[in-house]
């Protein structure tokens, strides 16, 4: 992770984390807050997939929507649906790669501050992701070491599937009534990828690049729908 990306994470942390540190309006002194159950729904959109390429050389993009249930301000089952795409051409190596496909994740978050009953919280969680996609790639021809002739490299619409797991940590803060901003940092580890004779895809939608564990992030803006009946 280079210095530019580290600075970006610090800015996101400050912008979202500050509301969590602000004092909340207190109730009557000496009176504990009443215990009550909560049930709601967070609907969010991720903007980090279009911010990230500004700071790196690899030009791949993604956007995603998430729906997260709020169960007693403690457990947060989550579904994430997104779209990842790239149409990258390296002028230096004359290599081209393109793909465009949806991806899906399901998982659960746990509020580490559920006793505080605050609108914002810090959480830990896990996800399982899946995508099925086709990719195309072009590269300069290779020279056959035996016959000396050129072997063209042109892959078109190669089918592939991938499954991976994610460990998630992040925070979410209320910036206005029922409007939230948040970020998460994720470690992604591959579980399964289709066996490809040519070595496999460069970019996997929803996962990223690389064949081993990688880091990812989200920066979300969302709205909270409260289904709890007011007493």
Protein backbone atom coordinates (compact mmCIF):
# COMPACT_ATOMS: atom_id res chain seq x y z
CA UNK A 1 0.00 0.00 0.00
CA UNK A 2 1.68 3.23 -1.14
CA UNK A 3 1.75 6.61 0.62
CA UNK A 4 -1.09 8.10 -1.45
CA UNK A 5 -3.50 5.29 -0.55
CA UNK A 6 -2.48 5.50 3.12
CA UNK A 7 -3.27 9.22 3.12
CA UNK A 8 -6.62 8.51 1.51
CA UNK A 9 -7.53 6.01 4.26
CA UNK A 10 -6.57 8.57 6.92
CA UNK A 11 -8.83 11.20 5.34
CA UNK A 12 -11.72 8.71 5.16
CA UNK A 13 -11.17 7.73 8.78
CA UNK A 14 -11.23 11.36 9.94
CA UNK A 15 -14.28 12.32 7.85
CA UNK A 16 -16.37 9.36 9.01
CA UNK A 17 -14.96 8.76 12.47
CA UNK A 18 -15.33 12.31 13.80
CA UNK A 19 -19.13 12.06 14.35
CA UNK A 20 -18.55 8.98 16.52
CA UNK A 21 -16.41 11.06 18.87
CA UNK A 22 -18.83 13.95 19.24
CA UNK A 23 -20.83 14.06 22.49
CA UNK A 24 -24.43 12.91 22.25
CA UNK A 25 -27.38 14.55 23.95
CA UNK A 26 -27.74 12.99 27.37
CA UNK A 27 -30.93 12.04 29.14
CA UNK A 28 -31.96 12.72 32.73
CA UNK A 29 -28.97 12.37 35.05
CA UNK A 30 -29.00 9.13 37.01
CA UNK A 31 -31.63 7.53 34.77
CA UNK A 32 -30.30 4.64 32.64
CA UNK A 33 -31.54 4.49 29.04
CA UNK A 34 -34.49 2.13 28.58
CA UNK A 35 -33.71 -1.23 27.00
CA UNK A 36 -35.52 -1.74 23.72
CA UNK A 37 -35.21 -3.84 20.60
CA UNK A 38 -34.41 -2.26 17.26
CA UNK A 39 -35.00 -3.43 13.72
CA UNK A 40 -34.10 -1.49 10.59
CA UNK A 41 -32.45 -1.53 7.19
CA UNK A 42 -29.34 0.26 5.90
CA UNK A 43 -29.28 0.88 2.13
CA UNK A 44 -25.86 2.03 0.91
CA UNK A 45 -23.84 2.69 -2.22
CA UNK A 46 -20.06 2.37 -2.41
CA UNK A 47 -18.02 5.18 -3.98
CA UNK A 48 -14.52 3.87 -3.29
CA UNK A 49 -14.43 1.76 -6.45
CA UNK A 50 -14.24 4.98 -8.48
CA UNK A 51 -11.95 6.84 -6.06
CA UNK A 52 -9.31 4.11 -5.82
CA UNK A 53 -8.17 4.20 -9.50
CA UNK A 54 -7.18 7.87 -9.09
CA UNK A 55 -4.35 6.83 -6.75
CA UNK A 56 -3.05 3.70 -8.52
CA UNK A 57 -1.84 2.73 -11.98
CA UNK A 58 -4.17 -0.27 -12.42
CA UNK A 59 -7.34 1.10 -13.97
CA UNK A 60 -10.17 -1.15 -12.87
CA UNK A 61 -13.45 0.12 -11.47
CA UNK A 62 -16.33 -1.19 -9.40
CA UNK A 63 -19.54 0.02 -7.88
CA UNK A 64 -21.87 -1.78 -5.50
CA UNK A 65 -25.09 -1.55 -3.53
CA UNK A 66 -25.61 -3.11 -0.11
CA UNK A 67 -28.60 -3.92 2.06
CA UNK A 68 -27.88 -4.46 5.76
CA UNK A 69 -30.42 -5.47 8.39
CA UNK A 70 -30.11 -3.94 11.85
CA UNK A 71 -31.05 -6.51 14.51
CA UNK A 72 -31.00 -4.95 17.99
CA UNK A 73 -28.14 -2.64 16.98
CA UNK A 74 -25.85 -5.67 17.33
CA UNK A 75 -26.11 -8.09 14.41
CA UNK A 76 -26.08 -6.90 10.79
CA UNK A 77 -26.71 -9.53 8.08
CA UNK A 78 -25.57 -8.04 4.77
CA UNK A 79 -26.05 -8.58 1.05
CA UNK A 80 -23.81 -6.75 -1.44
CA UNK A 81 -24.32 -6.67 -5.21
CA UNK A 82 -21.87 -4.89 -7.48
CA UNK A 83 -20.42 -4.50 -10.95
CA UNK A 84 -16.69 -4.62 -11.74
CA UNK A 85 -15.12 -3.72 -15.05
CA UNK A 86 -11.85 -2.83 -16.73
CA UNK A 87 -10.63 -2.13 -20.25
CA UNK A 88 -6.94 -1.75 -19.55
CA UNK A 89 -4.18 -1.32 -22.11
CA UNK A 90 -0.53 -1.10 -21.10
CA UNK A 91 1.34 1.17 -23.51
CA UNK A 92 4.67 -0.05 -22.12
CA UNK A 93 4.07 -3.80 -22.49
CA UNK A 94 1.38 -3.62 -25.22
CA UNK A 95 -0.93 -5.82 -23.16
CA UNK A 96 -4.69 -5.42 -23.14
CA UNK A 97 -7.25 -6.88 -20.72
CA UNK A 98 -11.01 -6.39 -20.47
CA UNK A 99 -13.92 -7.77 -18.49
CA UNK A 100 -17.31 -6.58 -17.32
CA UNK A 101 -19.38 -8.62 -14.86
CA UNK A 102 -21.47 -8.51 -11.66
CA UNK A 103 -20.37 -9.92 -8.31
CA UNK A 104 -22.19 -10.89 -5.12
CA UNK A 105 -21.34 -11.07 -1.42
CA UNK A 106 -23.22 -12.24 1.67
CA UNK A 107 -22.11 -12.01 5.27
CA UNK A 108 -22.59 -10.66 8.76
CA UNK A 109 -21.28 -7.70 10.77
CA UNK A 110 -21.10 -7.40 14.55
CA UNK A 111 -21.39 -4.03 16.32
CA UNK A 112 -18.55 -3.71 18.82
CA UNK A 113 -20.38 -0.76 20.48
CA UNK A 114 -23.89 -2.17 20.66
CA UNK A 115 -24.28 -1.24 24.35
CA UNK A 116 -23.82 2.47 23.60
CA UNK A 117 -27.04 2.71 21.58
CA UNK A 118 -25.48 5.37 19.34
CA UNK A 119 -26.40 5.93 15.68
CA UNK A 120 -22.77 5.28 14.69
CA UNK A 121 -20.73 2.19 15.45
CA UNK A 122 -17.52 0.25 14.85
CA UNK A 123 -17.94 -3.28 13.53
CA UNK A 124 -16.18 -6.50 12.57
CA UNK A 125 -17.55 -8.98 10.08
CA UNK A 126 -17.05 -11.54 7.33
CA UNK A 127 -18.19 -12.06 3.74
CA UNK A 128 -18.25 -14.73 1.07
CA UNK A 129 -18.03 -13.42 -2.50
CA UNK A 130 -18.82 -14.97 -5.89
CA UNK A 131 -18.60 -13.92 -9.52
CA UNK A 132 -18.92 -15.56 -12.93
CA UNK A 133 -17.40 -13.60 -15.81
CA UNK A 134 -15.73 -13.68 -19.23
CA UNK A 135 -12.45 -11.91 -19.96
CA UNK A 136 -10.41 -11.08 -23.04
CA UNK A 137 -6.66 -10.45 -23.28
CA UNK A 138 -4.13 -9.54 -25.96
CA UNK A 139 -0.34 -9.48 -25.75
CA UNK A 140 2.68 -9.36 -28.10
CA UNK A 141 3.42 -12.75 -29.72
CA UNK A 142 5.88 -15.14 -28.13
CA UNK A 143 8.78 -16.69 -30.00
CA UNK A 144 8.70 -20.49 -30.15
CA UNK A 145 12.07 -21.62 -28.68
CA UNK A 146 12.19 -24.68 -30.98
CA UNK A 147 10.93 -23.49 -34.36
CA UNK A 148 11.58 -19.77 -33.93
CA UNK A 149 8.17 -18.72 -35.23
CA UNK A 150 5.84 -16.26 -33.53
CA UNK A 151 2.95 -17.58 -31.41
CA UNK A 152 0.12 -15.02 -31.19
CA UNK A 153 -1.56 -14.37 -27.84
CA UNK A 154 -5.23 -13.52 -28.21
CA UNK A 155 -7.84 -14.67 -25.70
CA UNK A 156 -11.48 -13.84 -26.33
CA UNK A 157 -14.37 -14.28 -23.87
CA UNK A 158 -12.67 -16.86 -21.66
CA UNK A 159 -15.23 -18.05 -19.03
CA UNK A 160 -14.20 -18.07 -15.38
CA UNK A 161 -15.73 -18.33 -11.90
CA UNK A 162 -14.30 -17.30 -8.55
CA UNK A 163 -15.20 -17.62 -4.86
CA UNK A 164 -13.42 -15.81 -2.04
CA UNK A 165 -13.74 -14.96 1.66
CA UNK A 166 -13.37 -11.55 3.30
CA UNK A 167 -12.52 -10.41 6.82
CA UNK A 168 -14.07 -6.97 7.36
CA UNK A 169 -13.53 -4.15 9.83
CA UNK A 170 -14.99 -0.66 9.62
CA UNK A 171 -17.20 2.06 11.02
CA UNK A 172 -20.43 3.84 10.17
CA UNK A 173 -21.52 7.29 11.41
CA UNK A 174 -24.71 9.32 11.13
CA UNK A 175 -24.04 12.63 9.34
CA UNK A 176 -27.67 13.79 9.23
CA UNK A 177 -30.95 12.30 10.37
CA UNK A 178 -31.02 8.73 8.98
CA UNK A 179 -28.17 9.48 6.54
CA UNK A 180 -24.91 7.62 7.10
CA UNK A 181 -21.35 7.51 5.82
CA UNK A 182 -18.88 4.74 6.51
CA UNK A 183 -15.78 2.93 5.42
CA UNK A 184 -14.46 -0.60 5.71
CA UNK A 185 -11.08 -2.25 5.23
CA UNK A 186 -11.14 -5.81 3.94
CA UNK A 187 -8.73 -8.69 3.58
CA UNK A 188 -9.78 -10.96 0.71
CA UNK A 189 -8.57 -14.53 0.36
CA UNK A 190 -9.32 -16.73 -2.69
CA UNK A 191 -11.17 -20.00 -2.10
CA UNK A 192 -11.82 -21.20 -5.64
CA UNK A 193 -11.05 -20.10 -9.19
CA UNK A 194 -11.73 -21.93 -12.44
CA UNK A 195 -8.70 -23.76 -13.82
CA UNK A 196 -7.51 -21.85 -16.88
CA UNK A 197 -4.83 -23.24 -19.21
CA UNK A 198 -3.36 -19.78 -19.94
CA UNK A 199 -2.72 -18.92 -16.28
CA UNK A 200 -5.96 -17.24 -15.30
CA UNK A 201 -7.45 -13.71 -15.27
CA UNK A 202 -5.58 -10.58 -14.27
CA UNK A 203 -8.62 -8.88 -12.66
CA UNK A 204 -11.57 -10.59 -10.95
CA UNK A 205 -14.69 -8.41 -10.44
CA UNK A 206 -15.36 -7.88 -6.74
CA UNK A 207 -12.04 -9.40 -5.70
CA UNK A 208 -9.34 -7.40 -7.45
CA UNK A 209 -5.98 -8.41 -8.89
CA UNK A 210 -3.64 -11.15 -7.79
CA UNK A 211 -3.95 -14.85 -7.04
CA UNK A 212 -3.31 -14.60 -3.28
CA UNK A 213 -4.75 -12.53 -0.43
CA UNK A 214 -5.36 -8.85 -1.24
CA UNK A 215 -6.56 -5.76 0.61
CA UNK A 216 -9.72 -3.92 -0.38
CA UNK A 217 -11.87 -1.11 0.94
CA UNK A 218 -15.29 0.52 0.66
CA UNK A 219 -16.50 4.07 1.29
CA UNK A 220 -20.27 4.08 1.56
CA UNK A 221 -23.08 6.62 1.68
CA UNK A 222 -26.48 5.36 2.76
CA UNK A 223 -29.90 5.81 4.28
CA UNK A 224 -31.39 4.05 7.30
CA UNK A 225 -35.02 2.88 7.42
CA UNK A 226 -36.22 2.29 10.97
CA UNK A 227 -38.92 -0.39 11.30
CA UNK A 228 -39.04 -0.19 15.10
CA UNK A 229 -42.36 0.95 16.49
CA UNK A 230 -42.02 4.08 18.61
CA UNK A 231 -43.20 3.71 22.17
